[in-house]
PDB file of N, CA and C in Angstrom:
ATOM      1  N   MET A   1       0.849  -1.166   0.000  1.00  0.00           N
ATOM      2  CA  MET A   1       0.000   0.000   0.000  1.00  0.00           C
ATOM      3  C   MET A   1       0.903   1.239   0.000  1.00  0.00           C
ATOM      4  N   THR A   2       0.609   2.166  -0.902  1.00  0.00           N
ATOM      5  CA  THR A   2       1.434   3.363  -0.992  1.00  0.00           C
ATOM      6  C   THR A   2       0.962   4.416  -0.001  1.00  0.00           C
ATOM      7  N   LEU A   3       1.800   5.403   0.228  1.00  0.00           N
ATOM      8  CA  LEU A   3       1.455   6.504   1.114  1.00  0.00           C
ATOM      9  C   LEU A   3       0.239   7.254   0.582  1.00  0.00           C
ATOM     10  N   GLU A   4       0.159   7.426  -0.717  1.00  0.00           N
ATOM     11  CA  GLU A   4      -0.994   8.104  -1.323  1.00  0.00           C
ATOM     12  C   GLU A   4      -2.282   7.320  -1.083  1.00  0.00           C
ATOM     13  N   GLU A   5      -2.204   6.000  -1.204  1.00  0.00           N
ATOM     14  CA  GLU A   5      -3.380   5.159  -0.950  1.00  0.00           C
ATOM     15  C   GLU A   5      -3.810   5.268   0.511  1.00  0.00           C
ATOM     16  N   LEU A   6      -2.840   5.278   1.428  1.00  0.00           N
ATOM     17  CA  LEU A   6      -3.169   5.436   2.849  1.00  0.00           C
ATOM     18  C   LEU A   6      -3.845   6.783   3.113  1.00  0.00           C
ATOM     19  N   ARG A   7      -3.299   7.839   2.528  1.00  0.00           N
ATOM     20  CA  ARG A   7      -3.888   9.169   2.719  1.00  0.00           C
ATOM     21  C   ARG A   7      -5.326   9.226   2.203  1.00  0.00           C
ATOM     22  N   ALA A   8      -5.572   8.581   1.077  1.00  0.00           N
ATOM     23  CA  ALA A   8      -6.921   8.566   0.517  1.00  0.00           C
ATOM     24  C   ALA A   8      -7.892   7.832   1.444  1.00  0.00           C
ATOM     25  N   LEU A   9      -7.418   6.795   2.116  1.00  0.00           N
ATOM     26  CA  LEU A   9      -8.274   6.028   3.022  1.00  0.00           C
ATOM     27  C   LEU A   9      -8.700   6.833   4.244  1.00  0.00           C
ATOM     28  N   GLN A  10      -7.897   7.830   4.625  1.00  0.00           N
ATOM     29  CA  GLN A  10      -8.218   8.642   5.800  1.00  0.00           C
ATOM     30  C   GLN A  10      -9.566   9.332   5.667  1.00  0.00           C
ATOM     31  N   THR A  11      -9.953   9.656   4.461  1.00  0.00           N
ATOM     32  CA  THR A  11     -11.172  10.438   4.257  1.00  0.00           C
ATOM     33  C   THR A  11     -12.389   9.579   3.927  1.00  0.00           C
ATOM     34  N   THR A  12     -12.219   8.275   3.912  1.00  0.00           N
ATOM     35  CA  THR A  12     -13.357   7.409   3.598  1.00  0.00           C
ATOM     36  C   THR A  12     -14.091   7.003   4.872  1.00  0.00           C
ATOM     37  N   ASP A  13     -15.353   6.736   4.738  1.00  0.00           N
ATOM     38  CA  ASP A  13     -16.178   6.291   5.863  1.00  0.00           C
ATOM     39  C   ASP A  13     -17.110   5.187   5.362  1.00  0.00           C
ATOM     40  N   PRO A  14     -16.546   3.992   5.123  1.00  0.00           N
ATOM     41  CA  PRO A  14     -17.365   2.913   4.574  1.00  0.00           C
ATOM     42  C   PRO A  14     -18.414   2.434   5.578  1.00  0.00           C
ATOM     43  N   PRO A  15     -19.516   1.890   5.068  1.00  0.00           N
ATOM     44  CA  PRO A  15     -20.519   1.311   5.969  1.00  0.00           C
ATOM     45  C   PRO A  15     -19.907   0.195   6.804  1.00  0.00           C
ATOM     46  N   LYS A  16     -20.459  -0.010   7.992  1.00  0.00           N
ATOM     47  CA  LYS A  16     -19.921  -1.006   8.921  1.00  0.00           C
ATOM     48  C   LYS A  16     -19.796  -2.385   8.280  1.00  0.00           C
ATOM     49  N   GLU A  17     -20.776  -2.785   7.502  1.00  0.00           N
ATOM     50  CA  GLU A  17     -20.755  -4.129   6.929  1.00  0.00           C
ATOM     51  C   GLU A  17     -19.671  -4.306   5.864  1.00  0.00           C
ATOM     52  N   GLU A  18     -19.091  -3.223   5.347  1.00  0.00           N
ATOM     53  CA  GLU A  18     -18.012  -3.310   4.365  1.00  0.00           C
ATOM     54  C   GLU A  18     -16.630  -3.295   5.023  1.00  0.00           C
ATOM     55  N   ARG A  19     -16.585  -3.052   6.318  1.00  0.00           N
ATOM     56  CA  ARG A  19     -15.310  -2.965   7.025  1.00  0.00           C
ATOM     57  C   ARG A  19     -14.826  -4.350   7.447  1.00  0.00           C
ATOM     58  N   VAL A  20     -13.519  -4.519   7.488  1.00  0.00           N
ATOM     59  CA  VAL A  20     -12.924  -5.786   7.929  1.00  0.00           C
ATOM     60  C   VAL A  20     -13.013  -5.865   9.454  1.00  0.00           C
ATOM     61  N   ASP A  21     -13.396  -7.025   9.953  1.00  0.00           N
ATOM     62  CA  ASP A  21     -13.446  -7.249  11.401  1.00  0.00           C
ATOM     63  C   ASP A  21     -12.028  -7.530  11.891  1.00  0.00           C
ATOM     64  N   ILE A  22     -11.515  -6.655  12.723  1.00  0.00           N
ATOM     65  CA  ILE A  22     -10.128  -6.767  13.203  1.00  0.00           C
ATOM     66  C   ILE A  22      -9.888  -8.076  13.960  1.00  0.00           C
ATOM     67  N   ARG A  23     -10.943  -8.682  14.475  1.00  0.00           N
ATOM     68  CA  ARG A  23     -10.774  -9.953  15.190  1.00  0.00           C
ATOM     69  C   ARG A  23     -10.349 -11.076  14.251  1.00  0.00           C
ATOM     70  N   ASN A  24     -10.534 -10.873  12.940  1.00  0.00           N
ATOM     71  CA  ASN A  24     -10.156 -11.898  11.959  1.00  0.00           C
ATOM     72  C   ASN A  24      -8.761 -11.680  11.392  1.00  0.00           C
ATOM     73  N   VAL A  25      -8.095 -10.615  11.795  1.00  0.00           N
ATOM     74  CA  VAL A  25      -6.745 -10.334  11.315  1.00  0.00           C
ATOM     75  C   VAL A  25      -5.757 -11.204  12.081  1.00  0.00           C
ATOM     76  N   VAL A  26      -4.924 -11.921  11.350  1.00  0.00           N
ATOM     77  CA  VAL A  26      -3.940 -12.818  11.948  1.00  0.00           C
ATOM     78  C   VAL A  26      -2.549 -12.355  11.523  1.00  0.00           C
ATOM     79  N   ILE A  27      -1.695 -12.090  12.503  1.00  0.00           N
ATOM     80  CA  ILE A  27      -0.342 -11.608  12.245  1.00  0.00           C
ATOM     81  C   ILE A  27       0.661 -12.671  12.684  1.00  0.00           C
ATOM     82  N   ASP A  28       1.638 -12.964  11.828  1.00  0.00           N
ATOM     83  CA  ASP A  28       2.700 -13.913  12.145  1.00  0.00           C
ATOM     84  C   ASP A  28       3.749 -13.190  12.986  1.00  0.00           C
ATOM     85  N   MET A  29       3.813 -13.487  14.259  1.00  0.00           N
ATOM     86  CA  MET A  29       4.710 -12.799  15.179  1.00  0.00           C
ATOM     87  C   MET A  29       6.164 -13.250  15.029  1.00  0.00           C
ATOM     88  N   ASP A  30       6.429 -14.214  14.158  1.00  0.00           N
ATOM     89  CA  ASP A  30       7.792 -14.697  13.956  1.00  0.00           C
ATOM     90  C   ASP A  30       8.516 -13.984  12.819  1.00  0.00           C
ATOM     91  N   VAL A  31       7.850 -13.029  12.174  1.00  0.00           N
ATOM     92  CA  VAL A  31       8.478 -12.296  11.069  1.00  0.00           C
ATOM     93  C   VAL A  31       8.847 -10.889  11.533  1.00  0.00           C
ATOM     94  N   PRO A  32       9.713 -10.186  10.804  1.00  0.00           N
ATOM     95  CA  PRO A  32      10.107  -8.834  11.206  1.00  0.00           C
ATOM     96  C   PRO A  32       8.916  -7.869  11.291  1.00  0.00           C
ATOM     97  N   VAL A  33       9.094  -6.796  12.052  1.00  0.00           N
ATOM     98  CA  VAL A  33       8.035  -5.821  12.281  1.00  0.00           C
ATOM     99  C   VAL A  33       7.489  -5.273  10.965  1.00  0.00           C
ATOM    100  N   LYS A  34       8.357  -4.964  10.022  1.00  0.00           N
ATOM    101  CA  LYS A  34       7.909  -4.418   8.734  1.00  0.00           C
ATOM    102  C   LYS A  34       6.977  -5.399   8.031  1.00  0.00           C
ATOM    103  N   THR A  35       7.307  -6.671   8.069  1.00  0.00           N
ATOM    104  CA  THR A  35       6.472  -7.695   7.445  1.00  0.00           C
ATOM    105  C   THR A  35       5.136  -7.798   8.174  1.00  0.00           C
ATOM    106  N   ARG A  36       5.162  -7.704   9.507  1.00  0.00           N
ATOM    107  CA  ARG A  36       3.908  -7.744  10.280  1.00  0.00           C
ATOM    108  C   ARG A  36       3.012  -6.569   9.917  1.00  0.00           C
ATOM    109  N   ALA A  37       3.616  -5.399   9.762  1.00  0.00           N
ATOM    110  CA  ALA A  37       2.829  -4.218   9.381  1.00  0.00           C
ATOM    111  C   ALA A  37       2.209  -4.426   8.005  1.00  0.00           C
ATOM    112  N   GLN A  38       2.958  -4.995   7.084  1.00  0.00           N
ATOM    113  CA  GLN A  38       2.429  -5.275   5.746  1.00  0.00           C
ATOM    114  C   GLN A  38       1.284  -6.279   5.814  1.00  0.00           C
ATOM    115  N   GLN A  39       1.449  -7.315   6.633  1.00  0.00           N
ATOM    116  CA  GLN A  39       0.383  -8.304   6.802  1.00  0.00           C
ATOM    117  C   GLN A  39      -0.886  -7.637   7.318  1.00  0.00           C
ATOM    118  N   TYR A  40      -0.714  -6.770   8.307  1.00  0.00           N
ATOM    119  CA  TYR A  40      -1.859  -6.077   8.889  1.00  0.00           C
ATOM    120  C   TYR A  40      -2.568  -5.230   7.839  1.00  0.00           C
ATOM    121  N   LEU A  41      -1.822  -4.422   7.108  1.00  0.00           N
ATOM    122  CA  LEU A  41      -2.433  -3.543   6.111  1.00  0.00           C
ATOM    123  C   LEU A  41      -3.118  -4.335   5.008  1.00  0.00           C
ATOM    124  N   GLU A  42      -2.521  -5.435   4.587  1.00  0.00           N
ATOM    125  CA  GLU A  42      -3.143  -6.271   3.552  1.00  0.00           C
ATOM    126  C   GLU A  42      -4.470  -6.845   4.027  1.00  0.00           C
ATOM    127  N   GLN A  43      -4.530  -7.242   5.289  1.00  0.00           N
ATOM    128  CA  GLN A  43      -5.737  -7.884   5.804  1.00  0.00           C
ATOM    129  C   GLN A  43      -6.819  -6.883   6.203  1.00  0.00           C
ATOM    130  N   ILE A  44      -6.427  -5.776   6.826  1.00  0.00           N
ATOM    131  CA  ILE A  44      -7.412  -4.834   7.364  1.00  0.00           C
ATOM    132  C   ILE A  44      -8.013  -3.960   6.266  1.00  0.00           C
ATOM    133  N   LYS A  45      -7.328  -3.830   5.155  1.00  0.00           N
ATOM    134  CA  LYS A  45      -7.754  -3.039   3.990  1.00  0.00           C
ATOM    135  C   LYS A  45      -7.741  -1.537   4.261  1.00  0.00           C
ATOM    136  N   ASN A  46      -8.382  -1.087   5.327  1.00  0.00           N
ATOM    137  CA  ASN A  46      -8.407   0.336   5.673  1.00  0.00           C
ATOM    138  C   ASN A  46      -8.094   0.469   7.166  1.00  0.00           C
ATOM    139  N   PRO A  47      -6.867   0.874   7.502  1.00  0.00           N
ATOM    140  CA  PRO A  47      -6.500   0.966   8.920  1.00  0.00           C
ATOM    141  C   PRO A  47      -7.193   2.115   9.656  1.00  0.00           C
ATOM    142  N   TYR A  48      -7.893   2.956   8.925  1.00  0.00           N
ATOM    143  CA  TYR A  48      -8.607   4.081   9.538  1.00  0.00           C
ATOM    144  C   TYR A  48     -10.080   3.770   9.778  1.00  0.00           C
ATOM    145  N   ALA A  49     -10.597   2.727   9.144  1.00  0.00           N
ATOM    146  CA  ALA A  49     -12.017   2.387   9.285  1.00  0.00           C
ATOM    147  C   ALA A  49     -12.170   0.873   9.211  1.00  0.00           C
ATOM    148  N   PHE A  50     -12.374   0.257  10.364  1.00  0.00           N
ATOM    149  CA  PHE A  50     -12.565  -1.179  10.442  1.00  0.00           C
ATOM    150  C   PHE A  50     -13.652  -1.434  11.476  1.00  0.00           C
ATOM    151  N   ARG A  51     -13.859  -2.664  11.834  1.00  0.00           N
ATOM    152  CA  ARG A  51     -14.840  -2.954  12.884  1.00  0.00           C
ATOM    153  C   ARG A  51     -14.296  -4.001  13.825  1.00  0.00           C
ATOM    154  N   CYS A  52     -14.888  -4.056  14.982  1.00  0.00           N
ATOM    155  CA  CYS A  52     -14.601  -5.084  15.973  1.00  0.00           C
ATOM    156  C   CYS A  52     -15.957  -5.657  16.340  1.00  0.00           C
ATOM    157  N   GLY A  53     -16.278  -6.807  15.743  1.00  0.00           N
ATOM    158  CA  GLY A  53     -17.619  -7.354  15.908  1.00  0.00           C
ATOM    159  C   GLY A  53     -18.615  -6.449  15.203  1.00  0.00           C
ATOM    160  N   GLU A  54     -19.591  -5.978  15.940  1.00  0.00           N
ATOM    161  CA  GLU A  54     -20.621  -5.108  15.373  1.00  0.00           C
ATOM    162  C   GLU A  54     -20.321  -3.627  15.554  1.00  0.00           C
ATOM    163  N   VAL A  55     -19.165  -3.308  16.125  1.00  0.00           N
ATOM    164  CA  VAL A  55     -18.816  -1.913  16.411  1.00  0.00           C
ATOM    165  C   VAL A  55     -17.903  -1.373  15.325  1.00  0.00           C
ATOM    166  N   GLY A  56     -18.328  -0.327  14.635  1.00  0.00           N
ATOM    167  CA  GLY A  56     -17.498   0.343  13.651  1.00  0.00           C
ATOM    168  C   GLY A  56     -16.464   1.206  14.355  1.00  0.00           C
ATOM    169  N   VAL A  57     -15.234   1.191  13.870  1.00  0.00           N
ATOM    170  CA  VAL A  57     -14.140   1.947  14.480  1.00  0.00           C
ATOM    171  C   VAL A  57     -13.553   2.887  13.442  1.00  0.00           C
ATOM    172  N   ASN A  58     -13.429   4.168  13.794  1.00  0.00           N
ATOM    173  CA  ASN A  58     -12.743   5.156  12.969  1.00  0.00           C
ATOM    174  C   ASN A  58     -11.524   5.627  13.743  1.00  0.00           C
ATOM    175  N   VAL A  59     -10.369   5.651  13.091  1.00  0.00           N
ATOM    176  CA  VAL A  59      -9.118   6.030  13.732  1.00  0.00           C
ATOM    177  C   VAL A  59      -8.648   7.354  13.140  1.00  0.00           C
ATOM    178  N   GLU A  60      -8.277   8.277  14.025  1.00  0.00           N
ATOM    179  CA  GLU A  60      -7.723   9.553  13.602  1.00  0.00           C
ATOM    180  C   GLU A  60      -6.464   9.822  14.407  1.00  0.00           C
ATOM    181  N   PHE A  61      -5.523  10.531  13.787  1.00  0.00           N
ATOM    182  CA  PHE A  61      -4.284  10.894  14.453  1.00  0.00           C
ATOM    183  C   PHE A  61      -4.195  12.411  14.528  1.00  0.00           C
ATOM    184  N   THR A  62      -3.669  12.914  15.626  1.00  0.00           N
ATOM    185  CA  THR A  62      -3.548  14.349  15.802  1.00  0.00           C
ATOM    186  C   THR A  62      -2.294  14.874  15.113  1.00  0.00           C
ATOM    187  N   PRO A  63      -2.359  16.105  14.625  1.00  0.00           N
ATOM    188  CA  PRO A  63      -1.154  16.690  14.020  1.00  0.00           C
ATOM    189  C   PRO A  63      -0.009  16.693  15.039  1.00  0.00           C
ATOM    190  N   GLY A  64       1.157  16.298  14.594  1.00  0.00           N
ATOM    191  CA  GLY A  64       2.309  16.257  15.490  1.00  0.00           C
ATOM    192  C   GLY A  64       2.372  15.005  16.340  1.00  0.00           C
ATOM    193  N   GLY A  65       1.348  14.160  16.250  1.00  0.00           N
ATOM    194  CA  GLY A  65       1.347  12.912  17.012  1.00  0.00           C
ATOM    195  C   GLY A  65       2.102  11.833  16.261  1.00  0.00           C
ATOM    196  N   LYS A  66       1.986  10.593  16.732  1.00  0.00           N
ATOM    197  CA  LYS A  66       2.643   9.475  16.068  1.00  0.00           C
ATOM    198  C   LYS A  66       2.072   9.293  14.664  1.00  0.00           C
ATOM    199  N   THR A  67       2.928   8.870  13.752  1.00  0.00           N
ATOM    200  CA  THR A  67       2.454   8.491  12.427  1.00  0.00           C
ATOM    201  C   THR A  67       1.779   7.122  12.538  1.00  0.00           C
ATOM    202  N   LEU A  68       1.041   6.750  11.514  1.00  0.00           N
ATOM    203  CA  LEU A  68       0.427   5.425  11.499  1.00  0.00           C
ATOM    204  C   LEU A  68       1.506   4.352  11.608  1.00  0.00           C
ATOM    205  N   GLN A  69       2.601   4.545  10.906  1.00  0.00           N
ATOM    206  CA  GLN A  69       3.686   3.568  10.957  1.00  0.00           C
ATOM    207  C   GLN A  69       4.231   3.435  12.377  1.00  0.00           C
ATOM    208  N   GLU A  70       4.467   4.555  13.053  1.00  0.00           N
ATOM    209  CA  GLU A  70       4.973   4.513  14.425  1.00  0.00           C
ATOM    210  C   GLU A  70       3.971   3.834  15.363  1.00  0.00           C
ATOM    211  N   ALA A  71       2.703   4.157  15.194  1.00  0.00           N
ATOM    212  CA  ALA A  71       1.673   3.548  16.037  1.00  0.00           C
ATOM    213  C   ALA A  71       1.575   2.041  15.792  1.00  0.00           C
ATOM    214  N   MET A  72       1.645   1.632  14.517  1.00  0.00           N
ATOM    215  CA  MET A  72       1.561   0.210  14.196  1.00  0.00           C
ATOM    216  C   MET A  72       2.767  -0.548  14.753  1.00  0.00           C
ATOM    217  N   ILE A  73       3.948   0.027  14.624  1.00  0.00           N
ATOM    218  CA  ILE A  73       5.149  -0.634  15.151  1.00  0.00           C
ATOM    219  C   ILE A  73       5.045  -0.778  16.659  1.00  0.00           C
ATOM    220  N   SER A  74       4.598   0.263  17.338  1.00  0.00           N
ATOM    221  CA  SER A  74       4.422   0.189  18.797  1.00  0.00           C
ATOM    222  C   SER A  74       3.425  -0.904  19.161  1.00  0.00           C
ATOM    223  N   TYR A  75       2.315  -0.944  18.452  1.00  0.00           N
ATOM    224  CA  TYR A  75       1.275  -1.933  18.714  1.00  0.00           C
ATOM    225  C   TYR A  75       1.796  -3.346  18.492  1.00  0.00           C
ATOM    226  N   LEU A  76       2.483  -3.575  17.383  1.00  0.00           N
ATOM    227  CA  LEU A  76       2.983  -4.916  17.078  1.00  0.00           C
ATOM    228  C   LEU A  76       4.064  -5.350  18.057  1.00  0.00           C
ATOM    229  N   LYS A  77       4.859  -4.403  18.549  1.00  0.00           N
ATOM    230  CA  LYS A  77       5.880  -4.745  19.546  1.00  0.00           C
ATOM    231  C   LYS A  77       5.240  -5.172  20.853  1.00  0.00           C
ATOM    232  N   VAL A  78       4.146  -4.512  21.223  1.00  0.00           N
ATOM    233  CA  VAL A  78       3.436  -4.875  22.457  1.00  0.00           C
ATOM    234  C   VAL A  78       2.879  -6.286  22.335  1.00  0.00           C
ATOM    235  N   LEU A  79       2.354  -6.641  21.173  1.00  0.00           N
ATOM    236  CA  LEU A  79       1.829  -7.980  20.981  1.00  0.00           C
ATOM    237  C   LEU A  79       2.910  -9.042  21.116  1.00  0.00           C
ATOM    238  N   GLN A  80       4.109  -8.683  20.726  1.00  0.00           N
ATOM    239  CA  GLN A  80       5.225  -9.634  20.764  1.00  0.00           C
ATOM    240  C   GLN A  80       5.696  -9.897  22.192  1.00  0.00           C
ATOM    241  N   ALA A  81       5.527  -8.937  23.071  1.00  0.00           N
ATOM    242  CA  ALA A  81       6.037  -9.053  24.440  1.00  0.00           C
ATOM    243  C   ALA A  81       5.320 -10.118  25.228  1.00  0.00           C
TER     244      ALA A  81
END
């Protein structure tokens, strides 16, 4: 997924039934962090709009805050611990 594609996803608000359920995302914890991030993005389709069960989730980042990449790396490292 390119940076331009990620930026375009920030402004989308798909219906809940079109969003990927994050509970179905499976990450191989034995591969490098970059590969795990790629696995996540491939499976989740839109990291800014997904669902957890019946709950739609929209993710936003504040200016000057962590980038999506930084947040994903932090999250994946926590899972590994």
